Amino acid sequence: MNLEARKIEFVQEFLKIQSEEVVSRLEKILRKENIAPDESIFEPMTQDDLNKRIDQSESDFQNNRFKSSSELLAKYQ
């Protein structure tokens, strides 16, 4: 299926949505995608920043500051 056909199918499905919450979530996704930064201004993380982030993540896990994948899935279903 080409892009045009997919867009038409998406719009048709979108028009059937009755939930304001679902419409809001789709609007947020669309806004986020439209304001995504240009890849040319992406600045990669330094090795030091990456190591700090890993250390913080490990600390969070050890101190039970995390959510399981099932908790995250339940939130977005």
PDB file of N, CA and C in Angstrom:
ATOM      1  N   MET A   1       0.849  -1.168   0.000  1.00  0.00           N
ATOM      2  CA  MET A   1       0.000   0.000   0.000  1.00  0.00           C
ATOM      3  C   MET A   1       0.900   1.238   0.000  1.00  0.00           C
ATOM      4  N   ASN A   2       0.621   2.159  -0.902  1.00  0.00           N
ATOM      5  CA  ASN A   2       1.453   3.361  -0.980  1.00  0.00           C
ATOM      6  C   ASN A   2       1.057   4.374   0.095  1.00  0.00           C
ATOM      7  N   LEU A   3       1.845   5.405   0.211  1.00  0.00           N
ATOM      8  CA  LEU A   3       1.652   6.392   1.268  1.00  0.00           C
ATOM      9  C   LEU A   3       0.294   7.092   1.160  1.00  0.00           C
ATOM     10  N   GLU A   4      -0.099   7.472  -0.033  1.00  0.00           N
ATOM     11  CA  GLU A   4      -1.380   8.164  -0.201  1.00  0.00           C
ATOM     12  C   GLU A   4      -2.541   7.285   0.263  1.00  0.00           C
ATOM     13  N   ALA A   5      -2.523   6.022  -0.104  1.00  0.00           N
ATOM     14  CA  ALA A   5      -3.589   5.102   0.291  1.00  0.00           C
ATOM     15  C   ALA A   5      -3.595   4.915   1.806  1.00  0.00           C
ATOM     16  N   ARG A   6      -2.422   4.840   2.402  1.00  0.00           N
ATOM     17  CA  ARG A   6      -2.330   4.692   3.861  1.00  0.00           C
ATOM     18  C   ARG A   6      -2.879   5.927   4.567  1.00  0.00           C
ATOM     19  N   LYS A   7      -2.578   7.115   4.030  1.00  0.00           N
ATOM     20  CA  LYS A   7      -3.082   8.349   4.625  1.00  0.00           C
ATOM     21  C   LYS A   7      -4.614   8.406   4.553  1.00  0.00           C
ATOM     22  N   ILE A   8      -5.148   8.030   3.425  1.00  0.00           N
ATOM     23  CA  ILE A   8      -6.606   8.034   3.261  1.00  0.00           C
ATOM     24  C   ILE A   8      -7.248   7.048   4.230  1.00  0.00           C
ATOM     25  N   GLU A   9      -6.679   5.867   4.337  1.00  0.00           N
ATOM     26  CA  GLU A   9      -7.198   4.862   5.270  1.00  0.00           C
ATOM     27  C   GLU A   9      -7.109   5.363   6.714  1.00  0.00           C
ATOM     28  N   PHE A  10      -6.002   6.021   7.047  1.00  0.00           N
ATOM     29  CA  PHE A  10      -5.833   6.561   8.397  1.00  0.00           C
ATOM     30  C   PHE A  10      -6.902   7.613   8.694  1.00  0.00           C
ATOM     31  N   VAL A  11      -7.117   8.520   7.774  1.00  0.00           N
ATOM     32  CA  VAL A  11      -8.123   9.578   7.976  1.00  0.00           C
ATOM     33  C   VAL A  11      -9.513   8.966   8.127  1.00  0.00           C
ATOM     34  N   GLN A  12      -9.824   7.972   7.331  1.00  0.00           N
ATOM     35  CA  GLN A  12     -11.121   7.313   7.453  1.00  0.00           C
ATOM     36  C   GLN A  12     -11.293   6.673   8.824  1.00  0.00           C
ATOM     37  N   GLU A  13     -10.267   6.012   9.315  1.00  0.00           N
ATOM     38  CA  GLU A  13     -10.322   5.412  10.655  1.00  0.00           C
ATOM     39  C   GLU A  13     -10.393   6.491  11.727  1.00  0.00           C
ATOM     40  N   PHE A  14      -9.643   7.578  11.536  1.00  0.00           N
ATOM     41  CA  PHE A  14      -9.654   8.688  12.488  1.00  0.00           C
ATOM     42  C   PHE A  14     -11.062   9.272  12.619  1.00  0.00           C
ATOM     43  N   LEU A  15     -11.744   9.414  11.521  1.00  0.00           N
ATOM     44  CA  LEU A  15     -13.093   9.990  11.551  1.00  0.00           C
ATOM     45  C   LEU A  15     -14.094   9.104  12.298  1.00  0.00           C
ATOM     46  N   LYS A  16     -13.795   7.845  12.466  1.00  0.00           N
ATOM     47  CA  LYS A  16     -14.680   6.923  13.193  1.00  0.00           C
ATOM     48  C   LYS A  16     -14.462   6.971  14.708  1.00  0.00           C
ATOM     49  N   ILE A  17     -13.386   7.586  15.142  1.00  0.00           N
ATOM     50  CA  ILE A  17     -13.052   7.611  16.572  1.00  0.00           C
ATOM     51  C   ILE A  17     -14.098   8.418  17.336  1.00  0.00           C
ATOM     52  N   GLN A  18     -14.588   7.842  18.430  1.00  0.00           N
ATOM     53  CA  GLN A  18     -15.581   8.506  19.262  1.00  0.00           C
ATOM     54  C   GLN A  18     -15.006   9.000  20.584  1.00  0.00           C
ATOM     55  N   SER A  19     -13.805   8.591  20.910  1.00  0.00           N
ATOM     56  CA  SER A  19     -13.188   8.935  22.193  1.00  0.00           C
ATOM     57  C   SER A  19     -12.379  10.220  22.073  1.00  0.00           C
ATOM     58  N   GLU A  20     -12.726  11.199  22.916  1.00  0.00           N
ATOM     59  CA  GLU A  20     -11.964  12.449  22.919  1.00  0.00           C
ATOM     60  C   GLU A  20     -10.540  12.222  23.406  1.00  0.00           C
ATOM     61  N   GLU A  21     -10.371  11.274  24.314  1.00  0.00           N
ATOM     62  CA  GLU A  21      -9.036  10.960  24.829  1.00  0.00           C
ATOM     63  C   GLU A  21      -8.128  10.433  23.719  1.00  0.00           C
ATOM     64  N   VAL A  22      -8.658   9.568  22.883  1.00  0.00           N
ATOM     65  CA  VAL A  22      -7.859   9.013  21.786  1.00  0.00           C
ATOM     66  C   VAL A  22      -7.497  10.115  20.795  1.00  0.00           C
ATOM     67  N   VAL A  23      -8.450  10.976  20.496  1.00  0.00           N
ATOM     68  CA  VAL A  23      -8.182  12.083  19.576  1.00  0.00           C
ATOM     69  C   VAL A  23      -7.095  12.986  20.159  1.00  0.00           C
ATOM     70  N   SER A  24      -7.166  13.259  21.451  1.00  0.00           N
ATOM     71  CA  SER A  24      -6.150  14.094  22.103  1.00  0.00           C
ATOM     72  C   SER A  24      -4.770  13.469  22.017  1.00  0.00           C
ATOM     73  N   ARG A  25      -4.704  12.163  22.253  1.00  0.00           N
ATOM     74  CA  ARG A  25      -3.406  11.477  22.179  1.00  0.00           C
ATOM     75  C   ARG A  25      -2.844  11.537  20.765  1.00  0.00           C
ATOM     76  N   LEU A  26      -3.699  11.357  19.773  1.00  0.00           N
ATOM     77  CA  LEU A  26      -3.229  11.423  18.383  1.00  0.00           C
ATOM     78  C   LEU A  26      -2.781  12.842  18.030  1.00  0.00           C
ATOM     79  N   GLU A  27      -3.492  13.845  18.539  1.00  0.00           N
ATOM     80  CA  GLU A  27      -3.078  15.229  18.310  1.00  0.00           C
ATOM     81  C   GLU A  27      -1.694  15.489  18.901  1.00  0.00           C
ATOM     82  N   LYS A  28      -1.454  14.991  20.113  1.00  0.00           N
ATOM     83  CA  LYS A  28      -0.154  15.173  20.751  1.00  0.00           C
ATOM     84  C   LYS A  28       0.952  14.518  19.927  1.00  0.00           C
ATOM     85  N   ILE A  29       0.680  13.319  19.426  1.00  0.00           N
ATOM     86  CA  ILE A  29       1.670  12.627  18.606  1.00  0.00           C
ATOM     87  C   ILE A  29       1.967  13.436  17.345  1.00  0.00           C
ATOM     88  N   LEU A  30       0.932  13.925  16.712  1.00  0.00           N
ATOM     89  CA  LEU A  30       1.108  14.702  15.485  1.00  0.00           C
ATOM     90  C   LEU A  30       1.899  15.976  15.745  1.00  0.00           C
ATOM     91  N   ARG A  31       1.575  16.684  16.828  1.00  0.00           N
ATOM     92  CA  ARG A  31       2.317  17.899  17.163  1.00  0.00           C
ATOM     93  C   ARG A  31       3.784  17.585  17.435  1.00  0.00           C
ATOM     94  N   LYS A  32       4.011  16.508  18.171  1.00  0.00           N
ATOM     95  CA  LYS A  32       5.382  16.126  18.503  1.00  0.00           C
ATOM     96  C   LYS A  32       6.171  15.796  17.236  1.00  0.00           C
ATOM     97  N   GLU A  33       5.571  15.089  16.322  1.00  0.00           N
ATOM     98  CA  GLU A  33       6.244  14.720  15.077  1.00  0.00           C
ATOM     99  C   GLU A  33       6.510  15.946  14.208  1.00  0.00           C
ATOM    100  N   ASN A  34       5.617  16.902  14.236  1.00  0.00           N
ATOM    101  CA  ASN A  34       5.781  18.091  13.395  1.00  0.00           C
ATOM    102  C   ASN A  34       6.810  19.063  13.938  1.00  0.00           C
ATOM    103  N   ILE A  35       7.118  18.993  15.224  1.00  0.00           N
ATOM    104  CA  ILE A  35       8.113  19.901  15.786  1.00  0.00           C
ATOM    105  C   ILE A  35       9.407  19.180  16.134  1.00  0.00           C
ATOM    106  N   ALA A  36       9.557  17.961  15.640  1.00  0.00           N
ATOM    107  CA  ALA A  36      10.783  17.206  15.906  1.00  0.00           C
ATOM    108  C   ALA A  36      11.971  17.998  15.390  1.00  0.00           C
ATOM    109  N   PRO A  37      13.033  18.050  16.169  1.00  0.00           N
ATOM    110  CA  PRO A  37      14.197  18.832  15.735  1.00  0.00           C
ATOM    111  C   PRO A  37      14.834  18.261  14.472  1.00  0.00           C
ATOM    112  N   ASP A  38      15.409  19.137  13.727  1.00  0.00           N
ATOM    113  CA  ASP A  38      16.125  18.756  12.517  1.00  0.00           C
ATOM    114  C   ASP A  38      17.301  17.860  12.905  1.00  0.00           C
ATOM    115  N   GLU A  39      17.468  16.766  12.193  1.00  0.00           N
ATOM    116  CA  GLU A  39      18.556  15.842  12.516  1.00  0.00           C
ATOM    117  C   GLU A  39      19.930  16.498  12.423  1.00  0.00           C
ATOM    118  N   SER A  40      20.024  17.558  11.656  1.00  0.00           N
ATOM    119  CA  SER A  40      21.318  18.212  11.507  1.00  0.00           C
ATOM    120  C   SER A  40      21.744  18.946  12.773  1.00  0.00           C
ATOM    121  N   ILE A  41      20.803  19.246  13.680  1.00  0.00           N
ATOM    122  CA  ILE A  41      21.174  19.922  14.924  1.00  0.00           C
ATOM    123  C   ILE A  41      21.193  18.955  16.106  1.00  0.00           C
ATOM    124  N   PHE A  42      21.087  17.686  15.834  1.00  0.00           N
ATOM    125  CA  PHE A  42      21.185  16.671  16.880  1.00  0.00           C
ATOM    126  C   PHE A  42      22.603  16.629  17.414  1.00  0.00           C
ATOM    127  N   GLU A  43      22.723  16.700  18.728  1.00  0.00           N
ATOM    128  CA  GLU A  43      24.040  16.643  19.341  1.00  0.00           C
ATOM    129  C   GLU A  43      24.152  15.348  20.143  1.00  0.00           C
ATOM    130  N   PRO A  44      25.027  14.454  19.759  1.00  0.00           N
ATOM    131  CA  PRO A  44      25.142  13.178  20.465  1.00  0.00           C
ATOM    132  C   PRO A  44      25.619  13.369  21.908  1.00  0.00           C
ATOM    133  N   MET A  45      25.254  12.408  22.734  1.00  0.00           N
ATOM    134  CA  MET A  45      25.654  12.419  24.134  1.00  0.00           C
ATOM    135  C   MET A  45      27.150  12.121  24.250  1.00  0.00           C
ATOM    136  N   THR A  46      27.786  12.762  25.197  1.00  0.00           N
ATOM    137  CA  THR A  46      29.199  12.452  25.430  1.00  0.00           C
ATOM    138  C   THR A  46      29.291  11.130  26.187  1.00  0.00           C
ATOM    139  N   GLN A  47      30.460  10.539  26.184  1.00  0.00           N
ATOM    140  CA  GLN A  47      30.667   9.289  26.902  1.00  0.00           C
ATOM    141  C   GLN A  47      30.404   9.493  28.403  1.00  0.00           C
ATOM    142  N   ASP A  48      30.839  10.624  28.917  1.00  0.00           N
ATOM    143  CA  ASP A  48      30.632  10.945  30.330  1.00  0.00           C
ATOM    144  C   ASP A  48      29.139  11.069  30.655  1.00  0.00           C
ATOM    145  N   ASP A  49      28.396  11.777  29.796  1.00  0.00           N
ATOM    146  CA  ASP A  49      26.950  11.911  29.998  1.00  0.00           C
ATOM    147  C   ASP A  49      26.260  10.550  29.954  1.00  0.00           C
ATOM    148  N   LEU A  50      26.666   9.730  29.024  1.00  0.00           N
ATOM    149  CA  LEU A  50      26.088   8.394  28.904  1.00  0.00           C
ATOM    150  C   LEU A  50      26.354   7.577  30.168  1.00  0.00           C
ATOM    151  N   ASN A  51      27.583   7.625  30.664  1.00  0.00           N
ATOM    152  CA  ASN A  51      27.918   6.891  31.882  1.00  0.00           C
ATOM    153  C   ASN A  51      27.121   7.395  33.087  1.00  0.00           C
ATOM    154  N   LYS A  52      26.938   8.719  33.179  1.00  0.00           N
ATOM    155  CA  LYS A  52      26.132   9.279  34.263  1.00  0.00           C
ATOM    156  C   LYS A  52      24.685   8.806  34.170  1.00  0.00           C
ATOM    157  N   ARG A  53      24.186   8.762  32.966  1.00  0.00           N
ATOM    158  CA  ARG A  53      22.804   8.306  32.767  1.00  0.00           C
ATOM    159  C   ARG A  53      22.654   6.832  33.134  1.00  0.00           C
ATOM    160  N   ILE A  54      23.627   6.027  32.787  1.00  0.00           N
ATOM    161  CA  ILE A  54      23.623   4.605  33.148  1.00  0.00           C
ATOM    162  C   ILE A  54      23.671   4.453  34.660  1.00  0.00           C
ATOM    163  N   ASP A  55      24.551   5.205  35.311  1.00  0.00           N
ATOM    164  CA  ASP A  55      24.653   5.147  36.777  1.00  0.00           C
ATOM    165  C   ASP A  55      23.332   5.536  37.438  1.00  0.00           C
ATOM    166  N   GLN A  56      22.706   6.593  36.928  1.00  0.00           N
ATOM    167  CA  GLN A  56      21.424   7.038  37.483  1.00  0.00           C
ATOM    168  C   GLN A  56      20.354   5.964  37.288  1.00  0.00           C
ATOM    169  N   SER A  57      20.326   5.346  36.128  1.00  0.00           N
ATOM    170  CA  SER A  57      19.346   4.293  35.844  1.00  0.00           C
ATOM    171  C   SER A  57      19.541   3.093  36.764  1.00  0.00           C
ATOM    172  N   GLU A  58      20.776   2.717  36.970  1.00  0.00           N
ATOM    173  CA  GLU A  58      21.058   1.588  37.864  1.00  0.00           C
ATOM    174  C   GLU A  58      20.664   1.926  39.297  1.00  0.00           C
ATOM    175  N   SER A  59      20.928   3.140  39.718  1.00  0.00           N
ATOM    176  CA  SER A  59      20.540   3.584  41.054  1.00  0.00           C
ATOM    177  C   SER A  59      19.015   3.567  41.199  1.00  0.00           C
ATOM    178  N   ASP A  60      18.317   4.081  40.198  1.00  0.00           N
ATOM    179  CA  ASP A  60      16.850   4.069  40.227  1.00  0.00           C
ATOM    180  C   ASP A  60      16.323   2.651  40.353  1.00  0.00           C
ATOM    181  N   PHE A  61      16.892   1.739  39.616  1.00  0.00           N
ATOM    182  CA  PHE A  61      16.445   0.346  39.666  1.00  0.00           C
ATOM    183  C   PHE A  61      16.687  -0.253  41.051  1.00  0.00           C
ATOM    184  N   GLN A  62      17.868  -0.029  41.598  1.00  0.00           N
ATOM    185  CA  GLN A  62      18.201  -0.580  42.918  1.00  0.00           C
ATOM    186  C   GLN A  62      17.308   0.001  44.017  1.00  0.00           C
ATOM    187  N   ASN A  63      16.844   1.223  43.833  1.00  0.00           N
ATOM    188  CA  ASN A  63      15.995   1.880  44.826  1.00  0.00           C
ATOM    189  C   ASN A  63      14.508   1.796  44.472  1.00  0.00           C
ATOM    190  N   ASN A  64      14.189   0.852  43.578  1.00  0.00           N
ATOM    191  CA  ASN A  64      12.800   0.546  43.203  1.00  0.00           C
ATOM    192  C   ASN A  64      12.061   1.765  42.620  1.00  0.00           C
ATOM    193  N   ARG A  65      12.780   2.606  41.890  1.00  0.00           N
ATOM    194  CA  ARG A  65      12.170   3.759  41.228  1.00  0.00           C
ATOM    195  C   ARG A  65      12.043   3.463  39.732  1.00  0.00           C
ATOM    196  N   PHE A  66      11.135   2.564  39.417  1.00  0.00           N
ATOM    197  CA  PHE A  66      10.908   2.196  38.020  1.00  0.00           C
ATOM    198  C   PHE A  66       9.516   1.620  37.876  1.00  0.00           C
ATOM    199  N   LYS A  67       9.077   1.467  36.640  1.00  0.00           N
ATOM    200  CA  LYS A  67       7.795   0.836  36.330  1.00  0.00           C
ATOM    201  C   LYS A  67       8.071  -0.366  35.446  1.00  0.00           C
ATOM    202  N   SER A  68       7.314  -1.411  35.669  1.00  0.00           N
ATOM    203  CA  SER A  68       7.469  -2.608  34.843  1.00  0.00           C
ATOM    204  C   SER A  68       6.839  -2.363  33.475  1.00  0.00           C
ATOM    205  N   SER A  69       7.181  -3.173  32.513  1.00  0.00           N
ATOM    206  CA  SER A  69       6.609  -3.023  31.176  1.00  0.00           C
ATOM    207  C   SER A  69       5.099  -3.227  31.210  1.00  0.00           C
ATOM    208  N   SER A  70       4.608  -4.136  32.075  1.00  0.00           N
ATOM    209  CA  SER A  70       3.155  -4.352  32.152  1.00  0.00           C
ATOM    210  C   SER A  70       2.453  -3.113  32.720  1.00  0.00           C
ATOM    211  N   GLU A  71       3.097  -2.420  33.656  1.00  0.00           N
ATOM    212  CA  GLU A  71       2.511  -1.172  34.188  1.00  0.00           C
ATOM    213  C   GLU A  71       2.432  -0.101  33.092  1.00  0.00           C
ATOM    214  N   LEU A  72       3.481  -0.013  32.305  1.00  0.00           N
ATOM    215  CA  LEU A  72       3.484   0.984  31.223  1.00  0.00           C
ATOM    216  C   LEU A  72       2.447   0.637  30.163  1.00  0.00           C
ATOM    217  N   LEU A  73       2.354  -0.636  29.807  1.00  0.00           N
ATOM    218  CA  LEU A  73       1.362  -1.037  28.812  1.00  0.00           C
ATOM    219  C   LEU A  73      -0.046  -0.763  29.296  1.00  0.00           C
ATOM    220  N   ALA A  74      -0.316  -1.034  30.586  1.00  0.00           N
ATOM    221  CA  ALA A  74      -1.644  -0.811  31.146  1.00  0.00           C
ATOM    222  C   ALA A  74      -2.019   0.680  31.081  1.00  0.00           C
ATOM    223  N   LYS A  75      -1.032   1.533  31.271  1.00  0.00           N
ATOM    224  CA  LYS A  75      -1.278   2.971  31.249  1.00  0.00           C
ATOM    225  C   LYS A  75      -1.736   3.454  29.871  1.00  0.00           C
ATOM    226  N   TYR A  76      -1.218   2.860  28.811  1.00  0.00           N
ATOM    227  CA  TYR A  76      -1.502   3.340  27.464  1.00  0.00           C
ATOM    228  C   TYR A  76      -2.507   2.504  26.699  1.00  0.00           C
ATOM    229  N   GLN A  77      -3.181   1.614  27.379  1.00  0.00           N
ATOM    230  CA  GLN A  77      -4.216   0.820  26.688  1.00  0.00           C
ATOM    231  C   GLN A  77      -5.586   1.359  26.984  1.00  0.00           C
TER     232      GLN A  77
END
